[in-house]
Structure formats: structure tokens, C-alpha cells
């Protein structure tokens, strides 16, 4: 699997999430789309992403994903959902997609979600970032894709899976990891 980081960069918490999946026996690649930069404040990370350019970040993600063998799961946290979803929808042989704290309409990367590619989406139900369209896109995928699961957690935190950030929610993150591990186990 490949896990793309969120707008604050490849943080300790993002790496810890990947390490927990590795500890369960999964191979997890964590490319750095920010070339070593991390940001303590989400707004600063978003400003950096805008400065670099979303197209360039998407291209970095595409290149990182294409360096890996086909037949993997593409995962992303928030900003990282962009390259993860693009690769899951456009790269032949995608095994699945895990979209954490973000989701785009399938039309962003083609006409529809590819047949036979399972997807699991996790977000908080009152997260202001996902209420700007991501939740609608997630609901669209859940309603139209055969093997799609949408999990909404009560709360308004955005990067609640990253244990190095203030938005971290220990109980919700534990449930995300349990569900993600179940999803990955089904892919084997």
C-alpha cells in the first residue's frame, strides 16, 4: 500500500499510522510530497500546497505511485486523497482505495469509479473541511460504487487519525485503524 500525507506534511503521526499498519504485517510506502517540509498549523500547510501548486503535488503523487508495482492499495489523508484517488481511479490494477478525511467526486479523474476497485472512506460528520464538498462526494461514491464503505465518526476534527496533531481523536482513530486493517486483510 502507499499512504500519501495530508497538508501538514509527512508528520510523525502520519508515519505512526503507517507503522501501525506495518506492525500488522502490511507493506506501507510513505512518499513525501513536500520534500521534507512539515507544518505545525494546517493553514500554513495549505498555503504551502497552494504555493507549490496542487497540479505539482498531484504529479509528485502520480510519480511516487507509479514507481511501485501495480496491484496495491492507494491511501491518502486529506490532501493525500488527491493522488491516492487519482491513482486508484486511473492506474490499471489498483487493488483498492482508502480515503481518510477527504474525498473527491469520481468525475475529477474520469467518468466514474472503476469497476472492481473497493474503496473505504473515513471522515468526521461535522468536519468543516469535508462539509465543503468532500462529504457529498463520499456519499455519492457510497451510493454508486458496488464495494464502497463510508464511515462517519461523530465530531468536527479534520486530521483525527494523526496522533501528532491537536485534532487527534484516540477512540475514532483506533476504530479507523481497525476498519482499515480489516479492509487491507480482505485485499490479500
C-alpha atoms as a PDB file:
ATOM      1  CA  UNK A   1       0.000   0.000   0.000  1.00  0.00           C
ATOM      2  CA  UNK A   2       1.044   3.603  -0.445  1.00  0.00           C
ATOM      3  CA  UNK A   3      -0.084   6.281   2.039  1.00  0.00           C
ATOM      4  CA  UNK A   4       0.006   9.918   0.938  1.00  0.00           C
ATOM      5  CA  UNK A   5       0.244  12.516   3.712  1.00  0.00           C
ATOM      6  CA  UNK A   6      -2.030  15.469   4.467  1.00  0.00           C
ATOM      7  CA  UNK A   7      -1.397  19.214   4.044  1.00  0.00           C
ATOM      8  CA  UNK A   8       0.769  19.432   7.159  1.00  0.00           C
ATOM      9  CA  UNK A   9       3.278  17.109   5.530  1.00  0.00           C
ATOM     10  CA  UNK A  10       4.719  13.723   6.389  1.00  0.00           C
ATOM     11  CA  UNK A  11       4.306  14.224  10.142  1.00  0.00           C
ATOM     12  CA  UNK A  12       5.298  11.889  12.964  1.00  0.00           C
ATOM     13  CA  UNK A  13       1.618  10.996  13.323  1.00  0.00           C
ATOM     14  CA  UNK A  14       1.249  10.094   9.657  1.00  0.00           C
ATOM     15  CA  UNK A  15       4.335   7.901   9.937  1.00  0.00           C
ATOM     16  CA  UNK A  16       2.990   6.370  13.173  1.00  0.00           C
ATOM     17  CA  UNK A  17      -0.256   5.472  11.384  1.00  0.00           C
ATOM     18  CA  UNK A  18       1.771   3.739   8.665  1.00  0.00           C
ATOM     19  CA  UNK A  19       3.911   1.989  11.283  1.00  0.00           C
ATOM     20  CA  UNK A  20       0.818   0.545  12.968  1.00  0.00           C
ATOM     21  CA  UNK A  21      -0.282  -0.931   9.639  1.00  0.00           C
ATOM     22  CA  UNK A  22       3.233  -2.301   9.111  1.00  0.00           C
ATOM     23  CA  UNK A  23       3.150  -3.872  12.576  1.00  0.00           C
ATOM     24  CA  UNK A  24       0.060  -5.761  11.436  1.00  0.00           C
ATOM     25  CA  UNK A  25       2.056  -7.241   8.545  1.00  0.00           C
ATOM     26  CA  UNK A  26       1.363  -4.798   5.709  1.00  0.00           C
ATOM     27  CA  UNK A  27       3.923  -3.130   3.457  1.00  0.00           C
ATOM     28  CA  UNK A  28       3.272   0.624   3.563  1.00  0.00           C
ATOM     29  CA  UNK A  29       5.125   3.189   1.455  1.00  0.00           C
ATOM     30  CA  UNK A  30       5.004   6.823   2.625  1.00  0.00           C
ATOM     31  CA  UNK A  31       6.269   9.165  -0.093  1.00  0.00           C
ATOM     32  CA  UNK A  32       6.992  12.754   0.912  1.00  0.00           C
ATOM     33  CA  UNK A  33       5.150  15.109  -1.433  1.00  0.00           C
ATOM     34  CA  UNK A  34       6.581  18.145   0.398  1.00  0.00           C
ATOM     35  CA  UNK A  35      10.284  17.252   0.117  1.00  0.00           C
ATOM     36  CA  UNK A  36      10.855  17.204   3.888  1.00  0.00           C
ATOM     37  CA  UNK A  37       8.712  20.153   4.930  1.00  0.00           C
ATOM     38  CA  UNK A  38       6.114  19.799   7.694  1.00  0.00           C
ATOM     39  CA  UNK A  39       3.837  22.427   9.209  1.00  0.00           C
ATOM     40  CA  UNK A  40       2.558  22.759  12.769  1.00  0.00           C
ATOM     41  CA  UNK A  41      -0.511  24.703  11.610  1.00  0.00           C
ATOM     42  CA  UNK A  42      -2.912  23.353   8.986  1.00  0.00           C
ATOM     43  CA  UNK A  43      -3.383  26.763   7.338  1.00  0.00           C
ATOM     44  CA  UNK A  44       0.394  27.010   6.818  1.00  0.00           C
ATOM     45  CA  UNK A  45       0.440  23.578   5.186  1.00  0.00           C
ATOM     46  CA  UNK A  46      -2.455  24.509   2.916  1.00  0.00           C
ATOM     47  CA  UNK A  47      -0.662  27.753   1.971  1.00  0.00           C
ATOM     48  CA  UNK A  48       2.436  25.707   1.111  1.00  0.00           C
ATOM     49  CA  UNK A  49       0.373  23.342  -1.038  1.00  0.00           C
ATOM     50  CA  UNK A  50      -1.106  26.317  -2.884  1.00  0.00           C
ATOM     51  CA  UNK A  51       2.362  27.809  -3.374  1.00  0.00           C
ATOM     52  CA  UNK A  52       3.765  24.527  -4.740  1.00  0.00           C
ATOM     53  CA  UNK A  53       0.591  24.036  -6.773  1.00  0.00           C
ATOM     54  CA  UNK A  54      -1.946  21.254  -6.490  1.00  0.00           C
ATOM     55  CA  UNK A  55      -1.091  20.050 -10.001  1.00  0.00           C
ATOM     56  CA  UNK A  56       2.554  19.635  -8.998  1.00  0.00           C
ATOM     57  CA  UNK A  57       1.607  17.802  -5.792  1.00  0.00           C
ATOM     58  CA  UNK A  58      -0.672  15.533  -7.805  1.00  0.00           C
ATOM     59  CA  UNK A  59       2.174  14.871 -10.252  1.00  0.00           C
ATOM     60  CA  UNK A  60       4.572  14.055  -7.400  1.00  0.00           C
ATOM     61  CA  UNK A  61       1.986  11.600  -6.093  1.00  0.00           C
ATOM     62  CA  UNK A  62       1.500  10.051  -9.526  1.00  0.00           C
ATOM     63  CA  UNK A  63       5.226   9.546  -9.960  1.00  0.00           C
ATOM     64  CA  UNK A  64       5.601   8.079  -6.457  1.00  0.00           C
ATOM     65  CA  UNK A  65       2.723   5.677  -7.071  1.00  0.00           C
ATOM     66  CA  UNK A  66       3.953   4.611 -10.482  1.00  0.00           C
ATOM     67  CA  UNK A  67       7.375   3.712  -9.042  1.00  0.00           C
ATOM     68  CA  UNK A  68       5.623   0.953  -7.118  1.00  0.00           C
ATOM     69  CA  UNK A  69       4.315  -2.299  -8.501  1.00  0.00           C
ATOM     70  CA  UNK A  70       0.738  -2.318  -9.728  1.00  0.00           C
ATOM     71  CA  UNK A  71      -1.840  -4.127  -7.655  1.00  0.00           C
ATOM     72  CA  UNK A  72      -1.607  -2.055  -4.486  1.00  0.00           C
ATOM     73  CA  UNK A  73      -3.986  -0.087  -2.284  1.00  0.00           C
ATOM     74  CA  UNK A  74      -3.783   3.696  -2.612  1.00  0.00           C
ATOM     75  CA  UNK A  75      -4.439   5.639   0.586  1.00  0.00           C
ATOM     76  CA  UNK A  76      -4.414   9.294   1.455  1.00  0.00           C
ATOM     77  CA  UNK A  77      -5.098  11.603   4.355  1.00  0.00           C
ATOM     78  CA  UNK A  78      -6.929  14.813   3.384  1.00  0.00           C
ATOM     79  CA  UNK A  79      -4.655  16.443   0.738  1.00  0.00           C
ATOM     80  CA  UNK A  80      -3.154  12.991   0.142  1.00  0.00           C
ATOM     81  CA  UNK A  81      -6.559  11.805  -1.032  1.00  0.00           C
ATOM     82  CA  UNK A  82      -5.933  13.636  -4.322  1.00  0.00           C
ATOM     83  CA  UNK A  83      -3.079  11.423  -5.565  1.00  0.00           C
ATOM     84  CA  UNK A  84      -4.495   8.315  -3.863  1.00  0.00           C
ATOM     85  CA  UNK A  85      -7.877   8.663  -5.528  1.00  0.00           C
ATOM     86  CA  UNK A  86      -6.353   9.633  -8.880  1.00  0.00           C
ATOM     87  CA  UNK A  87      -4.149   6.525  -8.901  1.00  0.00           C
ATOM     88  CA  UNK A  88      -6.957   4.244  -7.692  1.00  0.00           C
ATOM     89  CA  UNK A  89      -9.196   5.508 -10.469  1.00  0.00           C
ATOM     90  CA  UNK A  90      -6.688   5.699 -13.307  1.00  0.00           C
ATOM     91  CA  UNK A  91      -3.875   3.212 -12.728  1.00  0.00           C
ATOM     92  CA  UNK A  92      -4.705  -0.260 -14.040  1.00  0.00           C
ATOM     93  CA  UNK A  93      -4.570  -2.975 -11.410  1.00  0.00           C
ATOM     94  CA  UNK A  94      -5.450  -0.829  -8.398  1.00  0.00           C
ATOM     95  CA  UNK A  95      -6.360  -3.122  -5.519  1.00  0.00           C
ATOM     96  CA  UNK A  96      -8.339  -0.550  -3.549  1.00  0.00           C
ATOM     97  CA  UNK A  97      -8.518   2.944  -2.089  1.00  0.00           C
ATOM     98  CA  UNK A  98      -8.548   4.273   1.462  1.00  0.00           C
ATOM     99  CA  UNK A  99      -9.671   7.883   1.694  1.00  0.00           C
ATOM    100  CA  UNK A 100      -9.146   9.485   5.108  1.00  0.00           C
ATOM    101  CA  UNK A 101     -10.554  12.933   5.954  1.00  0.00           C
ATOM    102  CA  UNK A 102     -11.220  13.749   2.333  1.00  0.00           C
ATOM    103  CA  UNK A 103     -12.870  12.628  -0.893  1.00  0.00           C
ATOM    104  CA  UNK A 104     -13.300  13.962  -4.400  1.00  0.00           C
ATOM    105  CA  UNK A 105     -16.104  13.360  -6.858  1.00  0.00           C
ATOM    106  CA  UNK A 106     -15.124  10.457  -9.131  1.00  0.00           C
ATOM    107  CA  UNK A 107     -15.599  12.777 -12.120  1.00  0.00           C
ATOM    108  CA  UNK A 108     -12.362  14.561 -11.111  1.00  0.00           C
ATOM    109  CA  UNK A 109     -10.395  11.632 -12.566  1.00  0.00           C
ATOM    110  CA  UNK A 110     -12.691  10.157 -15.189  1.00  0.00           C
ATOM    111  CA  UNK A 111     -16.292   9.328 -15.825  1.00  0.00           C
ATOM    112  CA  UNK A 112     -16.843   7.105 -12.803  1.00  0.00           C
ATOM    113  CA  UNK A 113     -15.245   4.913 -10.168  1.00  0.00           C
ATOM    114  CA  UNK A 114     -13.505   1.893 -11.771  1.00  0.00           C
ATOM    115  CA  UNK A 115     -15.405  -1.370 -11.563  1.00  0.00           C
ATOM    116  CA  UNK A 116     -13.977  -3.879  -9.114  1.00  0.00           C
ATOM    117  CA  UNK A 117     -11.898  -1.378  -7.095  1.00  0.00           C
ATOM    118  CA  UNK A 118     -13.119  -1.314  -3.483  1.00  0.00           C
ATOM    119  CA  UNK A 119     -12.996   1.918  -1.524  1.00  0.00           C
ATOM    120  CA  UNK A 120     -13.269   2.768   2.146  1.00  0.00           C
ATOM    121  CA  UNK A 121     -13.850   6.388   3.243  1.00  0.00           C
ATOM    122  CA  UNK A 122     -13.412   7.771   6.786  1.00  0.00           C
ATOM    123  CA  UNK A 123     -14.329  11.272   7.988  1.00  0.00           C
ATOM    124  CA  UNK A 124     -15.920  13.131  10.861  1.00  0.00           C
ATOM    125  CA  UNK A 125     -19.508  14.157  10.258  1.00  0.00           C
ATOM    126  CA  UNK A 126     -19.094  17.820  11.280  1.00  0.00           C
ATOM    127  CA  UNK A 127     -15.574  18.466   9.949  1.00  0.00           C
ATOM    128  CA  UNK A 128     -15.777  21.881   8.272  1.00  0.00           C
ATOM    129  CA  UNK A 129     -13.229  20.809   5.648  1.00  0.00           C
ATOM    130  CA  UNK A 130     -15.273  17.822   4.460  1.00  0.00           C
ATOM    131  CA  UNK A 131     -18.542  19.746   4.612  1.00  0.00           C
ATOM    132  CA  UNK A 132     -17.227  21.852   1.703  1.00  0.00           C
ATOM    133  CA  UNK A 133     -17.986  19.089  -0.803  1.00  0.00           C
ATOM    134  CA  UNK A 134     -15.956  16.078   0.300  1.00  0.00           C
ATOM    135  CA  UNK A 135     -18.833  14.569   2.287  1.00  0.00           C
ATOM    136  CA  UNK A 136     -21.168  14.922  -0.699  1.00  0.00           C
ATOM    137  CA  UNK A 137     -18.574  13.197  -2.909  1.00  0.00           C
ATOM    138  CA  UNK A 138     -18.162  10.423  -0.328  1.00  0.00           C
ATOM    139  CA  UNK A 139     -21.914   9.882  -0.176  1.00  0.00           C
ATOM    140  CA  UNK A 140     -22.044   9.761  -3.983  1.00  0.00           C
ATOM    141  CA  UNK A 141     -19.350   7.074  -4.049  1.00  0.00           C
ATOM    142  CA  UNK A 142     -21.029   5.114  -1.256  1.00  0.00           C
ATOM    143  CA  UNK A 143     -24.332   5.183  -3.141  1.00  0.00           C
ATOM    144  CA  UNK A 144     -22.988   4.287  -6.579  1.00  0.00           C
ATOM    145  CA  UNK A 145     -19.889   2.116  -6.129  1.00  0.00           C
ATOM    146  CA  UNK A 146     -20.534  -1.567  -5.524  1.00  0.00           C
ATOM    147  CA  UNK A 147     -17.770  -2.196  -2.987  1.00  0.00           C
ATOM    148  CA  UNK A 148     -17.729   1.151  -1.150  1.00  0.00           C
ATOM    149  CA  UNK A 149     -17.884   1.803   2.574  1.00  0.00           C
ATOM    150  CA  UNK A 150     -18.386   5.231   4.127  1.00  0.00           C
ATOM    151  CA  UNK A 151     -17.664   5.590   7.835  1.00  0.00           C
ATOM    152  CA  UNK A 152     -18.685   8.810   9.554  1.00  0.00           C
ATOM    153  CA  UNK A 153     -17.390   9.478  13.049  1.00  0.00           C
ATOM    154  CA  UNK A 154     -19.092  11.903  15.411  1.00  0.00           C
ATOM    155  CA  UNK A 155     -17.100  15.106  15.714  1.00  0.00           C
ATOM    156  CA  UNK A 156     -15.683  18.137  13.974  1.00  0.00           C
ATOM    157  CA  UNK A 157     -11.972  17.282  13.807  1.00  0.00           C
ATOM    158  CA  UNK A 158     -10.207  17.077  10.467  1.00  0.00           C
ATOM    159  CA  UNK A 159      -6.934  15.153  10.806  1.00  0.00           C
ATOM    160  CA  UNK A 160      -8.199  12.995  13.655  1.00  0.00           C
ATOM    161  CA  UNK A 161      -6.113   9.958  12.612  1.00  0.00           C
ATOM    162  CA  UNK A 162      -2.750  11.744  13.107  1.00  0.00           C
ATOM    163  CA  UNK A 163      -1.582  11.344  16.717  1.00  0.00           C
ATOM    164  CA  UNK A 164       0.919  14.204  16.421  1.00  0.00           C
ATOM    165  CA  UNK A 165      -1.723  16.876  15.795  1.00  0.00           C
ATOM    166  CA  UNK A 166      -4.251  18.659  18.019  1.00  0.00           C
ATOM    167  CA  UNK A 167      -7.199  17.196  16.041  1.00  0.00           C
ATOM    168  CA  UNK A 168      -6.236  13.653  17.062  1.00  0.00           C
ATOM    169  CA  UNK A 169      -9.133  11.633  18.463  1.00  0.00           C
ATOM    170  CA  UNK A 170      -7.807   8.461  20.072  1.00  0.00           C
ATOM    171  CA  UNK A 171     -11.031   6.433  20.029  1.00  0.00           C
ATOM    172  CA  UNK A 172     -12.054   7.430  16.490  1.00  0.00           C
ATOM    173  CA  UNK A 173      -8.506   6.804  15.220  1.00  0.00           C
ATOM    174  CA  UNK A 174      -8.483   3.351  16.830  1.00  0.00           C
ATOM    175  CA  UNK A 175     -11.725   2.485  15.048  1.00  0.00           C
ATOM    176  CA  UNK A 176     -10.329   3.806  11.741  1.00  0.00           C
ATOM    177  CA  UNK A 177      -7.238   1.601  12.127  1.00  0.00           C
ATOM    178  CA  UNK A 178      -9.362  -1.451  12.959  1.00  0.00           C
ATOM    179  CA  UNK A 179     -11.543  -0.898   9.882  1.00  0.00           C
ATOM    180  CA  UNK A 180      -8.545  -0.121   7.646  1.00  0.00           C
ATOM    181  CA  UNK A 181      -6.801  -3.299   8.787  1.00  0.00           C
ATOM    182  CA  UNK A 182      -9.954  -5.298   8.013  1.00  0.00           C
ATOM    183  CA  UNK A 183     -10.067  -3.714   4.553  1.00  0.00           C
ATOM    184  CA  UNK A 184      -6.384  -4.494   3.909  1.00  0.00           C
ATOM    185  CA  UNK A 185      -6.800  -8.064   5.155  1.00  0.00           C
ATOM    186  CA  UNK A 186      -9.626  -8.556   2.634  1.00  0.00           C
ATOM    187  CA  UNK A 187      -7.291  -7.372  -0.154  1.00  0.00           C
ATOM    188  CA  UNK A 188      -4.873 -10.285   0.454  1.00  0.00           C
END
